[in-house]
Amino acid sequence: MREEALEKAEQEIFFSPEKNNVLFASAIDNWAFSIRSFAPKIASKFGMNPFALEKFLWGKFYYIVSDKKVVKNPPSAESQEMFVSFIMKPVVQQYRQIFNIESTSNT
């Protein structure tokens, strides 16, 4: 029982983006964001509750646009996790635009 309590306590202090205790940042370019900072923008675009959406923006979750549904299993081989689709791709695209970088991959 003591080991279970210790393990639970450790889980509470671990850093994890879905707990909103992790920032993604660039000190060189002077920016940072968390899952929570992106959730309202994405939620308004898709008509979702931002607080509920936060739980799905990190991990193996996929959004099916046609069904307006979040699922755990990728609907197709080309499916990307919600973090990649809704956060990383837009960040990378903005970087490429700002720094005039040509795309060499599908990222």
N, C-alpha and C. Protein backbone atom coordinates (compact mmCIF):
# COMPACT_ATOMS: atom_id res chain seq x y z
N MET A 1 0.82 -1.20 0.00
CA MET A 1 0.00 0.00 0.00
C MET A 1 0.87 1.27 0.00
N ARG A 2 1.97 1.22 0.74
CA ARG A 2 2.86 2.37 0.80
C ARG A 2 3.47 2.66 -0.57
N GLU A 3 3.82 1.61 -1.33
CA GLU A 3 4.37 1.80 -2.66
C GLU A 3 3.36 2.46 -3.59
N GLU A 4 2.10 2.09 -3.46
CA GLU A 4 1.04 2.69 -4.29
C GLU A 4 0.90 4.17 -3.98
N ALA A 5 0.96 4.52 -2.71
CA ALA A 5 0.85 5.92 -2.31
C ALA A 5 2.04 6.72 -2.83
N LEU A 6 3.23 6.12 -2.76
CA LEU A 6 4.43 6.78 -3.26
C LEU A 6 4.35 6.97 -4.77
N GLU A 7 3.88 5.95 -5.47
CA GLU A 7 3.74 6.05 -6.93
C GLU A 7 2.72 7.12 -7.31
N LYS A 8 1.62 7.20 -6.58
CA LYS A 8 0.60 8.22 -6.85
C LYS A 8 1.18 9.62 -6.63
N ALA A 9 1.94 9.78 -5.55
CA ALA A 9 2.56 11.08 -5.26
C ALA A 9 3.54 11.47 -6.35
N GLU A 10 4.31 10.50 -6.83
CA GLU A 10 5.25 10.78 -7.91
C GLU A 10 4.52 11.20 -9.18
N GLN A 11 3.43 10.55 -9.50
CA GLN A 11 2.65 10.88 -10.70
C GLN A 11 2.14 12.32 -10.64
N GLU A 12 1.80 12.78 -9.44
CA GLU A 12 1.27 14.14 -9.29
C GLU A 12 2.32 15.20 -9.57
N ILE A 13 3.60 14.89 -9.34
CA ILE A 13 4.63 15.91 -9.54
C ILE A 13 5.34 15.80 -10.89
N PHE A 14 5.10 14.74 -11.64
CA PHE A 14 5.73 14.60 -12.95
C PHE A 14 5.26 15.70 -13.88
N PHE A 15 6.17 16.14 -14.73
CA PHE A 15 5.80 17.12 -15.73
C PHE A 15 5.08 16.43 -16.87
N SER A 16 3.99 17.04 -17.31
CA SER A 16 3.19 16.45 -18.37
C SER A 16 2.38 17.56 -19.03
N PRO A 17 2.47 17.70 -20.35
CA PRO A 17 1.75 18.78 -21.03
C PRO A 17 0.25 18.82 -20.74
N GLU A 18 -0.39 17.65 -20.60
CA GLU A 18 -1.82 17.67 -20.35
C GLU A 18 -2.16 18.17 -18.94
N LYS A 19 -1.18 18.22 -18.05
CA LYS A 19 -1.39 18.80 -16.72
C LYS A 19 -1.14 20.31 -16.74
N ASN A 20 -0.75 20.82 -17.87
CA ASN A 20 -0.45 22.24 -18.06
C ASN A 20 0.72 22.70 -17.18
N ASN A 21 1.68 21.80 -16.97
CA ASN A 21 2.88 22.18 -16.22
C ASN A 21 4.13 22.10 -17.10
N VAL A 22 3.91 22.13 -18.42
CA VAL A 22 5.01 22.09 -19.40
C VAL A 22 4.81 23.23 -20.39
N LEU A 23 5.87 23.93 -20.67
CA LEU A 23 5.85 24.94 -21.73
C LEU A 23 6.76 24.49 -22.86
N PHE A 24 6.35 24.72 -24.07
CA PHE A 24 7.17 24.52 -25.26
C PHE A 24 7.71 25.90 -25.57
N ALA A 25 9.03 26.01 -25.71
CA ALA A 25 9.61 27.35 -25.80
C ALA A 25 10.84 27.41 -26.69
N SER A 26 11.13 28.64 -27.11
CA SER A 26 12.38 28.94 -27.80
C SER A 26 12.94 30.21 -27.16
N ALA A 27 14.03 30.06 -26.43
CA ALA A 27 14.66 31.22 -25.80
C ALA A 27 15.30 32.12 -26.86
N ILE A 28 15.80 31.51 -27.92
CA ILE A 28 16.43 32.29 -28.99
C ILE A 28 15.42 33.19 -29.68
N ASP A 29 14.24 32.65 -29.95
CA ASP A 29 13.22 33.41 -30.67
C ASP A 29 12.20 34.08 -29.75
N ASN A 30 12.38 33.89 -28.44
CA ASN A 30 11.58 34.60 -27.44
C ASN A 30 10.09 34.29 -27.50
N TRP A 31 9.74 33.02 -27.45
CA TRP A 31 8.34 32.63 -27.39
C TRP A 31 8.18 31.37 -26.56
N ALA A 32 6.97 31.17 -26.08
CA ALA A 32 6.63 29.96 -25.35
C ALA A 32 5.12 29.76 -25.41
N PHE A 33 4.70 28.52 -25.31
CA PHE A 33 3.27 28.23 -25.25
C PHE A 33 3.05 26.95 -24.46
N SER A 34 1.83 26.81 -24.00
CA SER A 34 1.41 25.59 -23.32
C SER A 34 0.20 25.04 -24.08
N ILE A 35 -0.19 23.86 -23.74
CA ILE A 35 -1.41 23.28 -24.33
C ILE A 35 -2.58 24.21 -24.04
N ARG A 36 -2.64 24.71 -22.80
CA ARG A 36 -3.75 25.59 -22.39
C ARG A 36 -3.81 26.87 -23.23
N SER A 37 -2.67 27.39 -23.65
CA SER A 37 -2.69 28.63 -24.42
C SER A 37 -3.23 28.42 -25.83
N PHE A 38 -3.12 27.22 -26.36
CA PHE A 38 -3.65 26.93 -27.70
C PHE A 38 -5.11 26.48 -27.67
N ALA A 39 -5.53 25.87 -26.60
CA ALA A 39 -6.87 25.26 -26.54
C ALA A 39 -8.01 26.22 -26.91
N PRO A 40 -8.05 27.45 -26.39
CA PRO A 40 -9.17 28.34 -26.75
C PRO A 40 -9.24 28.66 -28.25
N LYS A 41 -8.09 28.84 -28.88
CA LYS A 41 -8.07 29.14 -30.31
C LYS A 41 -8.62 27.97 -31.13
N ILE A 42 -8.18 26.78 -30.78
CA ILE A 42 -8.63 25.58 -31.49
C ILE A 42 -10.10 25.32 -31.20
N ALA A 43 -10.47 25.46 -29.94
CA ALA A 43 -11.86 25.21 -29.53
C ALA A 43 -12.83 26.13 -30.25
N SER A 44 -12.48 27.40 -30.38
CA SER A 44 -13.40 28.33 -31.05
C SER A 44 -13.54 27.99 -32.53
N LYS A 45 -12.47 27.51 -33.13
CA LYS A 45 -12.49 27.15 -34.55
C LYS A 45 -13.41 25.94 -34.81
N PHE A 46 -13.43 25.01 -33.86
CA PHE A 46 -14.21 23.78 -34.05
C PHE A 46 -15.46 23.71 -33.18
N GLY A 47 -15.78 24.78 -32.46
CA GLY A 47 -16.97 24.79 -31.62
C GLY A 47 -16.90 23.81 -30.46
N MET A 48 -15.74 23.77 -29.80
CA MET A 48 -15.53 22.85 -28.68
C MET A 48 -15.38 23.62 -27.37
N ASN A 49 -15.47 22.89 -26.28
CA ASN A 49 -15.20 23.44 -24.96
C ASN A 49 -13.67 23.43 -24.78
N PRO A 50 -13.02 24.58 -24.56
CA PRO A 50 -11.56 24.61 -24.47
C PRO A 50 -11.00 23.79 -23.32
N PHE A 51 -11.70 23.74 -22.19
CA PHE A 51 -11.20 22.99 -21.04
C PHE A 51 -11.28 21.49 -21.30
N ALA A 52 -12.30 21.05 -21.99
CA ALA A 52 -12.42 19.64 -22.35
C ALA A 52 -11.39 19.29 -23.42
N LEU A 53 -11.18 20.20 -24.35
CA LEU A 53 -10.23 19.97 -25.44
C LEU A 53 -8.80 19.79 -24.94
N GLU A 54 -8.42 20.52 -23.90
CA GLU A 54 -7.06 20.42 -23.34
C GLU A 54 -6.65 18.98 -23.06
N LYS A 55 -7.57 18.19 -22.61
CA LYS A 55 -7.28 16.80 -22.25
C LYS A 55 -6.89 15.94 -23.46
N PHE A 56 -7.26 16.39 -24.65
CA PHE A 56 -7.02 15.60 -25.86
C PHE A 56 -5.89 16.14 -26.73
N LEU A 57 -5.32 17.26 -26.35
CA LEU A 57 -4.28 17.87 -27.19
C LEU A 57 -2.89 17.29 -26.96
N TRP A 58 -2.78 16.36 -26.04
CA TRP A 58 -1.51 15.67 -25.83
C TRP A 58 -1.78 14.19 -25.71
N GLY A 59 -1.05 13.40 -26.45
CA GLY A 59 -1.23 11.95 -26.39
C GLY A 59 -1.77 11.41 -27.70
N LYS A 60 -2.18 10.19 -27.67
CA LYS A 60 -2.66 9.49 -28.86
C LYS A 60 -4.16 9.74 -29.06
N PHE A 61 -4.50 10.95 -29.45
CA PHE A 61 -5.88 11.32 -29.74
C PHE A 61 -5.94 11.91 -31.14
N TYR A 62 -7.00 11.59 -31.83
CA TYR A 62 -7.17 12.01 -33.22
C TYR A 62 -8.54 12.65 -33.36
N TYR A 63 -8.63 13.65 -34.23
CA TYR A 63 -9.90 14.34 -34.45
C TYR A 63 -10.42 14.00 -35.84
N ILE A 64 -11.65 13.54 -35.88
CA ILE A 64 -12.30 13.26 -37.16
C ILE A 64 -13.18 14.46 -37.48
N VAL A 65 -12.75 15.25 -38.44
CA VAL A 65 -13.43 16.50 -38.78
C VAL A 65 -14.86 16.24 -39.23
N SER A 66 -15.06 15.26 -40.10
CA SER A 66 -16.40 15.00 -40.64
C SER A 66 -17.40 14.61 -39.57
N ASP A 67 -16.95 13.92 -38.53
CA ASP A 67 -17.84 13.49 -37.45
C ASP A 67 -17.79 14.42 -36.24
N LYS A 68 -16.85 15.38 -36.26
CA LYS A 68 -16.62 16.27 -35.12
C LYS A 68 -16.45 15.45 -33.85
N LYS A 69 -15.48 14.53 -33.92
CA LYS A 69 -15.32 13.55 -32.87
C LYS A 69 -13.84 13.29 -32.59
N VAL A 70 -13.50 13.14 -31.30
CA VAL A 70 -12.15 12.78 -30.88
C VAL A 70 -12.13 11.28 -30.65
N VAL A 71 -11.11 10.61 -31.21
CA VAL A 71 -10.98 9.16 -31.05
C VAL A 71 -9.56 8.80 -30.61
N LYS A 72 -9.42 7.61 -30.03
CA LYS A 72 -8.10 7.15 -29.57
C LYS A 72 -7.33 6.41 -30.66
N ASN A 73 -8.02 5.82 -31.60
CA ASN A 73 -7.36 5.07 -32.66
C ASN A 73 -7.33 5.90 -33.93
N PRO A 74 -6.19 5.90 -34.62
CA PRO A 74 -6.11 6.70 -35.85
C PRO A 74 -7.11 6.19 -36.89
N PRO A 75 -7.93 7.09 -37.43
CA PRO A 75 -8.92 6.68 -38.43
C PRO A 75 -8.32 6.21 -39.74
N SER A 76 -7.09 6.64 -40.03
CA SER A 76 -6.42 6.19 -41.25
C SER A 76 -4.92 6.18 -41.02
N ALA A 77 -4.20 5.62 -41.94
CA ALA A 77 -2.74 5.54 -41.82
C ALA A 77 -2.09 6.92 -41.84
N GLU A 78 -2.75 7.89 -42.48
CA GLU A 78 -2.20 9.24 -42.59
C GLU A 78 -2.58 10.14 -41.42
N SER A 79 -3.41 9.66 -40.52
CA SER A 79 -3.89 10.47 -39.40
C SER A 79 -2.74 10.91 -38.50
N GLN A 80 -2.84 12.15 -38.04
CA GLN A 80 -1.85 12.68 -37.12
C GLN A 80 -2.52 12.99 -35.79
N GLU A 81 -1.76 12.84 -34.72
CA GLU A 81 -2.29 13.15 -33.40
C GLU A 81 -2.71 14.62 -33.36
N MET A 82 -3.65 14.92 -32.49
CA MET A 82 -4.19 16.27 -32.40
C MET A 82 -3.11 17.31 -32.11
N PHE A 83 -2.13 16.98 -31.27
CA PHE A 83 -1.05 17.92 -30.97
C PHE A 83 -0.31 18.30 -32.25
N VAL A 84 -0.04 17.32 -33.08
CA VAL A 84 0.67 17.58 -34.33
C VAL A 84 -0.21 18.39 -35.27
N SER A 85 -1.45 17.97 -35.45
CA SER A 85 -2.35 18.63 -36.40
C SER A 85 -2.69 20.06 -36.00
N PHE A 86 -3.03 20.25 -34.73
CA PHE A 86 -3.56 21.53 -34.29
C PHE A 86 -2.54 22.50 -33.70
N ILE A 87 -1.37 21.98 -33.29
CA ILE A 87 -0.39 22.86 -32.66
C ILE A 87 0.93 22.88 -33.43
N MET A 88 1.56 21.73 -33.58
CA MET A 88 2.89 21.73 -34.21
C MET A 88 2.87 22.15 -35.67
N LYS A 89 1.94 21.64 -36.44
CA LYS A 89 1.91 22.04 -37.86
C LYS A 89 1.74 23.55 -38.02
N PRO A 90 0.78 24.18 -37.30
CA PRO A 90 0.67 25.64 -37.42
C PRO A 90 1.91 26.39 -36.95
N VAL A 91 2.56 25.91 -35.89
CA VAL A 91 3.78 26.56 -35.41
C VAL A 91 4.89 26.46 -36.46
N VAL A 92 5.07 25.28 -37.02
CA VAL A 92 6.09 25.08 -38.05
C VAL A 92 5.78 25.93 -39.28
N GLN A 93 4.51 25.99 -39.68
CA GLN A 93 4.14 26.80 -40.84
C GLN A 93 4.44 28.27 -40.60
N GLN A 94 4.14 28.75 -39.38
CA GLN A 94 4.44 30.15 -39.07
C GLN A 94 5.94 30.41 -39.11
N TYR A 95 6.72 29.51 -38.56
CA TYR A 95 8.17 29.64 -38.61
C TYR A 95 8.65 29.74 -40.04
N ARG A 96 8.15 28.86 -40.87
CA ARG A 96 8.58 28.87 -42.27
C ARG A 96 8.23 30.18 -42.96
N GLN A 97 7.05 30.72 -42.65
CA GLN A 97 6.65 32.00 -43.25
C GLN A 97 7.53 33.13 -42.74
N ILE A 98 7.72 33.18 -41.44
CA ILE A 98 8.49 34.27 -40.82
C ILE A 98 9.94 34.25 -41.31
N PHE A 99 10.54 33.08 -41.35
CA PHE A 99 11.96 32.97 -41.70
C PHE A 99 12.18 32.59 -43.17
N ASN A 100 11.10 32.60 -43.94
CA ASN A 100 11.20 32.33 -45.37
C ASN A 100 11.88 31.00 -45.65
N ILE A 101 11.47 29.97 -44.97
CA ILE A 101 12.03 28.64 -45.13
C ILE A 101 11.13 27.83 -46.05
N GLU A 102 11.71 27.23 -47.06
CA GLU A 102 10.92 26.40 -47.96
C GLU A 102 10.66 25.05 -47.33
N SER A 103 9.49 24.53 -47.56
CA SER A 103 9.12 23.24 -47.01
C SER A 103 9.81 22.12 -47.76
N THR A 104 10.44 21.20 -47.00
CA THR A 104 11.07 20.05 -47.63
C THR A 104 10.43 18.75 -47.17
N SER A 105 9.43 18.88 -46.28
CA SER A 105 8.72 17.69 -45.78
C SER A 105 7.25 18.02 -45.61
N ASN A 106 6.49 17.05 -45.15
CA ASN A 106 5.05 17.24 -44.93
C ASN A 106 4.74 17.76 -43.54
N THR A 107 5.72 18.12 -42.77
CA THR A 107 5.52 18.58 -41.40
C THR A 107 4.86 19.92 -41.37
